[in-house]
Protein backbone atom coordinates (compact mmCIF):
# COMPACT_ATOMS: atom_id res chain seq x y z
CA UNK A 1 111.15 154.52 151.94
CA UNK A 2 108.20 153.33 150.00
CA UNK A 3 107.28 149.85 148.15
CA UNK A 4 104.44 150.12 145.23
CA UNK A 5 102.82 146.96 145.09
CA UNK A 6 101.18 146.79 141.29
CA UNK A 7 98.42 144.03 141.15
CA UNK A 8 96.76 143.29 137.50
CA UNK A 9 92.92 141.87 138.27
CA UNK A 10 90.07 140.68 136.14
CA UNK A 11 86.81 139.24 138.34
CA UNK A 12 89.57 138.40 141.74
CA UNK A 13 86.98 139.62 144.31
CA UNK A 14 87.76 136.22 146.09
CA UNK A 15 91.01 136.49 146.86
CA UNK A 16 91.67 140.24 146.46
CA UNK A 17 91.19 141.52 150.07
CA UNK A 18 93.61 138.18 150.86
CA UNK A 19 96.82 139.52 148.44
CA UNK A 20 96.14 142.93 149.46
CA UNK A 21 96.14 142.46 153.27
CA UNK A 22 98.79 139.72 153.03
CA UNK A 23 101.26 142.81 151.72
CA UNK A 24 100.39 145.42 153.72
CA UNK A 25 101.21 143.27 156.51
CA UNK A 26 104.53 142.61 155.08
CA UNK A 27 105.56 145.95 154.54
CA UNK A 28 104.69 146.62 158.15
CA UNK A 29 106.76 143.93 159.27
CA UNK A 30 109.86 145.46 157.11
CA UNK A 31 108.82 149.12 158.88
CA UNK A 32 107.92 150.42 154.43
CA UNK A 33 105.31 152.89 153.64
CA UNK A 34 103.01 150.60 150.98
CA UNK A 35 101.41 152.15 147.75
CA UNK A 36 98.75 149.68 147.01
CA UNK A 37 98.45 149.67 142.93
CA UNK A 38 95.19 147.70 141.51
CA UNK A 39 95.08 147.32 137.85
CA UNK A 40 91.81 146.40 136.74
CA UNK A 41 91.60 144.62 133.09
CA UNK A 42 87.47 145.30 133.55
CA UNK A 43 86.11 142.75 136.04
CA UNK A 44 82.41 142.57 136.86
CA UNK A 45 82.64 141.41 139.85
CA UNK A 46 83.61 143.38 143.29
CA UNK A 47 87.13 142.92 143.40
CA UNK A 48 87.18 147.05 142.51
CA UNK A 49 85.24 148.13 145.08
CA UNK A 50 87.06 145.72 147.77
CA UNK A 51 90.26 146.84 146.72
CA UNK A 52 89.51 150.49 147.26
CA UNK A 53 87.73 149.65 150.67
CA UNK A 54 91.32 148.19 151.54
CA UNK A 55 93.09 152.10 150.46
CA UNK A 56 94.39 150.43 146.76
CA UNK A 57 94.40 152.83 143.71
CA UNK A 58 92.54 151.35 141.30
CA UNK A 59 92.98 152.29 137.78
CA UNK A 60 89.91 150.34 135.39
CA UNK A 61 91.72 149.83 131.84
CA UNK A 62 89.60 147.02 130.59
CA UNK A 63 91.14 145.48 127.40
CA UNK A 64 94.93 145.71 127.59
CA UNK A 65 97.80 142.71 127.54
CA UNK A 66 98.95 142.01 131.29
CA UNK A 67 102.33 143.61 130.65
CA UNK A 68 100.22 146.75 129.68
CA UNK A 69 98.36 146.52 132.72
CA UNK A 70 101.76 145.93 135.08
CA UNK A 71 103.43 148.95 133.25
CA UNK A 72 100.62 151.39 133.37
CA UNK A 73 100.77 150.66 137.48
CA UNK A 74 103.89 151.61 137.69
CA UNK A 75 103.52 154.56 135.89
CA UNK A 76 100.76 155.58 138.67
CA UNK A 77 103.17 154.58 141.25
CA UNK A 78 105.89 156.76 143.45
CA UNK A 79 107.95 153.98 145.45
CA UNK A 80 111.65 153.00 144.92
CA UNK A 81 110.63 149.54 145.42
CA UNK A 82 108.55 147.90 142.99
CA UNK A 83 106.58 144.54 143.86
CA UNK A 84 104.62 142.68 141.72
CA UNK A 85 102.08 140.45 142.74
CA UNK A 86 99.33 138.22 140.88
CA UNK A 87 95.50 139.24 142.59
CA UNK A 88 95.27 135.16 143.60
CA UNK A 89 98.52 135.20 145.98
CA UNK A 90 99.21 135.27 149.56
CA UNK A 91 102.78 136.61 150.92
CA UNK A 92 104.14 135.49 153.96
CA UNK A 93 104.51 138.28 156.52
CA UNK A 94 107.97 138.40 156.54
CA UNK A 95 108.62 138.53 152.62
CA UNK A 96 109.69 141.95 152.52
CA UNK A 97 111.94 142.02 155.19
CA UNK A 98 113.92 139.22 154.05
CA UNK A 99 114.20 139.98 150.73
CA UNK A 100 115.63 143.53 151.41
CA UNK A 101 118.31 142.15 153.83
CA UNK A 102 119.07 139.62 151.00
CA UNK A 103 119.59 142.67 148.97
CA UNK A 104 121.18 144.73 151.96
CA UNK A 105 124.04 142.02 152.16
CA UNK A 106 124.56 142.26 148.61
CA UNK A 107 123.01 138.63 147.45
CA UNK A 108 120.63 139.66 144.26
CA UNK A 109 118.82 142.16 142.62
CA UNK A 110 115.54 140.76 141.65
CA UNK A 111 113.66 138.40 144.09
CA UNK A 112 110.84 135.85 144.17
CA UNK A 113 109.58 133.53 146.64
CA UNK A 114 108.73 129.95 145.40
CA UNK A 115 105.05 129.54 144.71
CA UNK A 116 102.81 126.95 146.52
CA UNK A 117 99.03 125.63 146.25
CA UNK A 118 96.77 125.35 149.54
CA UNK A 119 96.11 121.77 150.31
CA UNK A 120 92.82 121.95 149.01
CA UNK A 121 93.31 122.67 145.83
CA UNK A 122 92.56 119.52 143.37
CA UNK A 123 95.33 117.07 143.07
CA UNK A 124 95.91 117.86 139.03
CA UNK A 125 96.54 121.60 140.38
CA UNK A 126 98.69 120.81 143.59
CA UNK A 127 100.72 118.29 141.25
CA UNK A 128 101.59 121.28 138.46
CA UNK A 129 101.95 124.07 141.03
CA UNK A 130 104.50 121.69 142.98
CA UNK A 131 106.29 120.90 140.10
CA UNK A 132 107.78 124.62 140.05
CA UNK A 133 109.01 124.09 144.05
CA UNK A 134 112.88 123.42 144.26
CA UNK A 135 113.35 120.59 146.20
CA UNK A 136 116.69 119.85 146.61
CA UNK A 137 118.31 122.89 145.73
CA UNK A 138 120.02 125.50 147.96
CA UNK A 139 117.56 127.52 149.39
CA UNK A 140 119.02 130.70 147.52
CA UNK A 141 118.89 129.72 143.91
CA UNK A 142 120.44 132.49 140.77
CA UNK A 143 118.21 132.38 137.71
CA UNK A 144 118.08 133.30 134.55
CA UNK A 145 114.47 134.16 134.34
CA UNK A 146 111.53 134.39 137.17
CA UNK A 147 107.72 134.21 137.03
CA UNK A 148 106.08 137.24 138.66
CA UNK A 149 103.30 135.54 140.76
CA UNK A 150 105.39 137.66 143.17
CA UNK A 151 108.60 139.62 142.04
CA UNK A 152 110.45 142.49 144.13
CA UNK A 153 113.22 144.71 142.56
CA UNK A 154 114.30 148.56 142.69
CA UNK A 155 112.79 150.60 140.18
CA UNK A 156 115.71 151.74 138.06
CA UNK A 157 115.54 147.88 136.87
CA UNK A 158 112.45 147.82 135.53
CA UNK A 159 113.82 151.40 134.18
CA UNK A 160 116.45 149.98 132.40
CA UNK A 161 114.83 147.21 130.24
CA UNK A 162 111.67 149.50 129.58
CA UNK A 163 109.38 147.32 131.30
CA UNK A 164 106.79 144.38 129.99
CA UNK A 165 106.17 143.82 126.75
CA UNK A 166 102.76 145.19 125.84
CA UNK A 167 102.14 142.68 122.76
CA UNK A 168 102.86 138.73 124.50
CA UNK A 169 99.50 137.82 125.91
CA UNK A 170 101.34 135.26 128.42
CA UNK A 171 105.09 134.82 129.06
CA UNK A 172 105.51 138.55 129.79
CA UNK A 173 107.15 137.34 132.92
CA UNK A 174 109.66 135.68 131.34
CA UNK A 175 110.50 138.32 128.88
CA UNK A 176 110.81 140.48 131.38
CA UNK A 177 113.46 139.04 133.96
CA UNK A 178 115.39 137.51 131.04
CA UNK A 179 115.95 141.36 129.70
CA UNK A 180 116.55 142.07 133.37
CA UNK A 181 119.23 139.50 133.60
CA UNK A 182 121.02 140.72 130.06
CA UNK A 183 120.82 143.84 131.69
CA UNK A 184 123.15 142.79 135.09
CA UNK A 185 120.56 141.74 137.30
CA UNK A 186 121.27 139.07 139.72
CA UNK A 187 117.63 137.18 139.53
CA UNK A 188 117.17 135.11 142.93
CA UNK A 189 114.29 132.85 143.91
CA UNK A 190 113.99 131.51 147.52
CA UNK A 191 112.71 128.19 148.00
CA UNK A 192 111.81 129.08 151.65
CA UNK A 193 109.19 130.74 152.56
CA UNK A 194 107.19 130.22 149.58
CA UNK A 195 103.69 132.43 148.64
CA UNK A 196 100.43 130.51 148.04
CA UNK A 197 98.52 130.29 145.25
CA UNK A 198 94.78 130.72 145.95
CA UNK A 199 93.69 130.65 142.37
CA UNK A 200 94.19 127.76 141.73
CA UNK A 201 92.62 125.39 138.66
CA UNK A 202 89.56 123.94 140.14
CA UNK A 203 88.19 122.03 137.04
CA UNK A 204 89.94 119.97 134.31
CA UNK A 205 88.43 122.23 131.73
CA UNK A 206 89.99 124.99 133.45
CA UNK A 207 93.05 124.02 133.63
CA UNK A 208 93.35 122.76 130.48
CA UNK A 209 92.03 126.30 129.02
CA UNK A 210 95.09 128.16 131.27
CA UNK A 211 97.08 125.68 129.80
CA UNK A 212 96.53 126.46 126.46
CA UNK A 213 96.42 129.98 127.07
CA UNK A 214 100.23 130.14 128.39
CA UNK A 215 101.45 127.84 125.54
CA UNK A 216 100.28 130.66 123.01
CA UNK A 217 103.06 132.67 123.74
CA UNK A 218 105.80 130.76 122.08
CA UNK A 219 105.67 131.84 118.47
CA UNK A 220 105.69 135.49 120.54
CA UNK A 221 108.31 134.93 121.98
CA UNK A 222 110.53 134.21 119.24
CA UNK A 223 109.62 136.97 117.83
CA UNK A 224 110.24 139.16 120.32
CA UNK A 225 113.23 137.46 120.90
CA UNK A 226 115.20 136.35 117.62
CA UNK A 227 115.34 132.48 116.99
CA UNK A 228 116.57 130.42 120.41
CA UNK A 229 116.93 126.45 121.49
CA UNK A 230 115.50 126.95 124.69
CA UNK A 231 112.72 129.10 123.31
CA UNK A 232 112.52 126.72 120.59
CA UNK A 233 112.53 123.16 121.61
CA UNK A 234 109.56 122.91 123.44
CA UNK A 235 107.06 123.91 120.45
CA UNK A 236 109.42 121.66 118.15
CA UNK A 237 109.25 118.85 121.02
CA UNK A 238 105.56 118.90 121.16
CA UNK A 239 104.94 119.07 116.71
CA UNK A 240 106.85 115.91 116.78
CA UNK A 241 104.93 114.26 119.31
CA UNK A 242 101.53 114.91 117.14
CA UNK A 243 103.54 113.63 114.07
CA UNK A 244 104.11 110.47 116.22
CA UNK A 245 100.72 110.07 116.98
CA UNK A 246 99.55 110.61 113.58
CA UNK A 247 101.82 107.73 112.49
CA UNK A 248 100.91 105.74 115.17
CA UNK A 249 97.39 105.92 114.08
CA UNK A 250 98.17 105.38 110.66
CA UNK A 251 100.01 102.46 111.68
CA UNK A 252 97.12 100.76 113.69
CA UNK A 253 94.93 101.17 110.96
CA UNK A 254 97.48 99.57 108.48
CA UNK A 255 97.21 96.39 111.07
CA UNK A 256 100.83 96.93 112.70
CA UNK A 257 99.58 97.44 116.35
CA UNK A 258 102.63 96.50 117.90
CA UNK A 259 104.79 99.72 115.58
CA UNK A 260 101.57 101.94 116.81
CA UNK A 261 102.42 100.87 120.57
CA UNK A 262 106.34 101.55 120.51
CA UNK A 263 105.23 105.21 118.78
CA UNK A 264 103.02 106.04 121.53
CA UNK A 265 105.91 105.15 123.91
CA UNK A 266 108.43 107.45 122.08
CA UNK A 267 105.75 110.45 122.82
CA UNK A 268 106.00 109.69 126.48
CA UNK A 269 109.71 109.55 126.86
CA UNK A 270 109.64 113.56 126.96
CA UNK A 271 107.27 113.50 129.36
CA UNK A 272 108.57 111.02 131.50
CA UNK A 273 112.22 112.70 131.21
CA UNK A 274 110.08 116.37 132.48
CA UNK A 275 108.11 114.56 135.34
CA UNK A 276 111.81 112.47 136.73
CA UNK A 277 113.69 115.81 136.57
CA UNK A 278 111.35 118.02 138.08
CA UNK A 279 110.11 114.95 140.71
CA UNK A 280 112.97 112.89 141.68
CA UNK A 281 114.10 115.52 144.49
CA UNK A 282 110.97 114.88 145.97
CA UNK A 283 111.09 111.29 146.53
CA UNK A 284 107.56 110.56 145.64
CA UNK A 285 106.81 107.64 143.02
CA UNK A 286 102.42 109.16 142.95
CA UNK A 287 103.90 112.29 142.33
CA UNK A 288 106.31 111.35 139.57
CA UNK A 289 103.35 109.70 137.88
CA UNK A 290 101.22 112.45 138.09
CA UNK A 291 103.35 115.07 136.74
CA UNK A 292 104.33 112.58 133.55
CA UNK A 293 100.27 112.13 132.54
CA UNK A 294 99.90 116.41 133.12
CA UNK A 295 103.30 116.86 131.27
CA UNK A 296 102.05 114.12 128.33
CA UNK A 297 99.42 116.12 127.90
CA UNK A 298 100.85 119.49 128.01
CA UNK A 299 102.99 118.52 125.91
CA UNK A 300 100.30 118.27 123.00
CA UNK A 301 98.33 121.47 124.00
CA UNK A 302 101.95 123.06 122.89
CA UNK A 303 101.70 121.60 119.76
CA UNK A 304 98.12 122.56 119.16
CA UNK A 305 98.89 125.89 120.50
CA UNK A 306 101.82 126.53 118.44
CA UNK A 307 100.38 125.63 115.53
CA UNK A 308 97.01 127.63 116.12
CA UNK A 309 99.64 130.94 116.89
CA UNK A 310 100.66 130.44 113.31
CA UNK A 311 97.43 131.32 111.66
CA UNK A 312 97.11 134.35 114.08
CA UNK A 313 94.74 132.83 116.35
CA UNK A 314 94.38 134.32 120.06
CA UNK A 315 92.80 133.37 123.27
CA UNK A 316 89.94 135.38 124.08
CA UNK A 317 91.13 135.42 127.30
CA UNK A 318 91.49 138.99 129.57
CA UNK A 319 94.39 139.54 130.70
CA UNK A 320 94.58 138.81 134.89
CA UNK A 321 97.04 138.61 137.67
């Protein structure tokens, strides 16, 4: 049996060898033939050469969205099983053997492991990644959608939903796995073991830029999937936060500092709720406070990204894994 590992890439020379080597080790541990397909979006570093040296088929396709890169990788592959990895992800050695055993037991159809950050990452990058860890939940957890830093499924599921959207700049993983869920696939997340995300944000400017880019897909997701409260609630909440900030500023200028403080407190409540929702199971007060601040920033970034997308603004950021 063969697994085809599809990896989109842009300037990931620092990480691509670790990613491919860990995938090959996992395939060997599971007794699978491993096909590596790296889809490069126009890298200017040595990433393509490194990938080829490790036996990967490298497709050079600059200018495509990340969904299109993944689709082209699948078209060039031949495995019965498809694995999607970001180019900066390290998988554990028993990644494939564990998931294939779960499939053989009839537990699920589409699988992903939780993603964590190496300890050397800055505090904001560690806290932001840590929020996705499903502490307190069962080791196996059914999901409505899954992110694609790592994703495993049989090829027929990919074919059934027609692959990834090629118009979305980001959020293509949520869109793709939502369609899988609607098609009847059982999506399963595993809390342990975890994959490691080595491409963590090393600076505040990088974190802010990535979040602005990620939030830029909300309008596109609405256009692709129709009006949905689940898709609308965060953009609308972020716009409400901007409105309250403006009203608070006006109240302050008009000499009503107490009203301004109250409005600013109101804008912080959604961020606090999100923080508590994601941090309570960790029982870590510092982590909760860190998330509160990060969610407050993200809430405002989402509003800015939504407004910019209304005017057809798009971040000039190459698609990458």
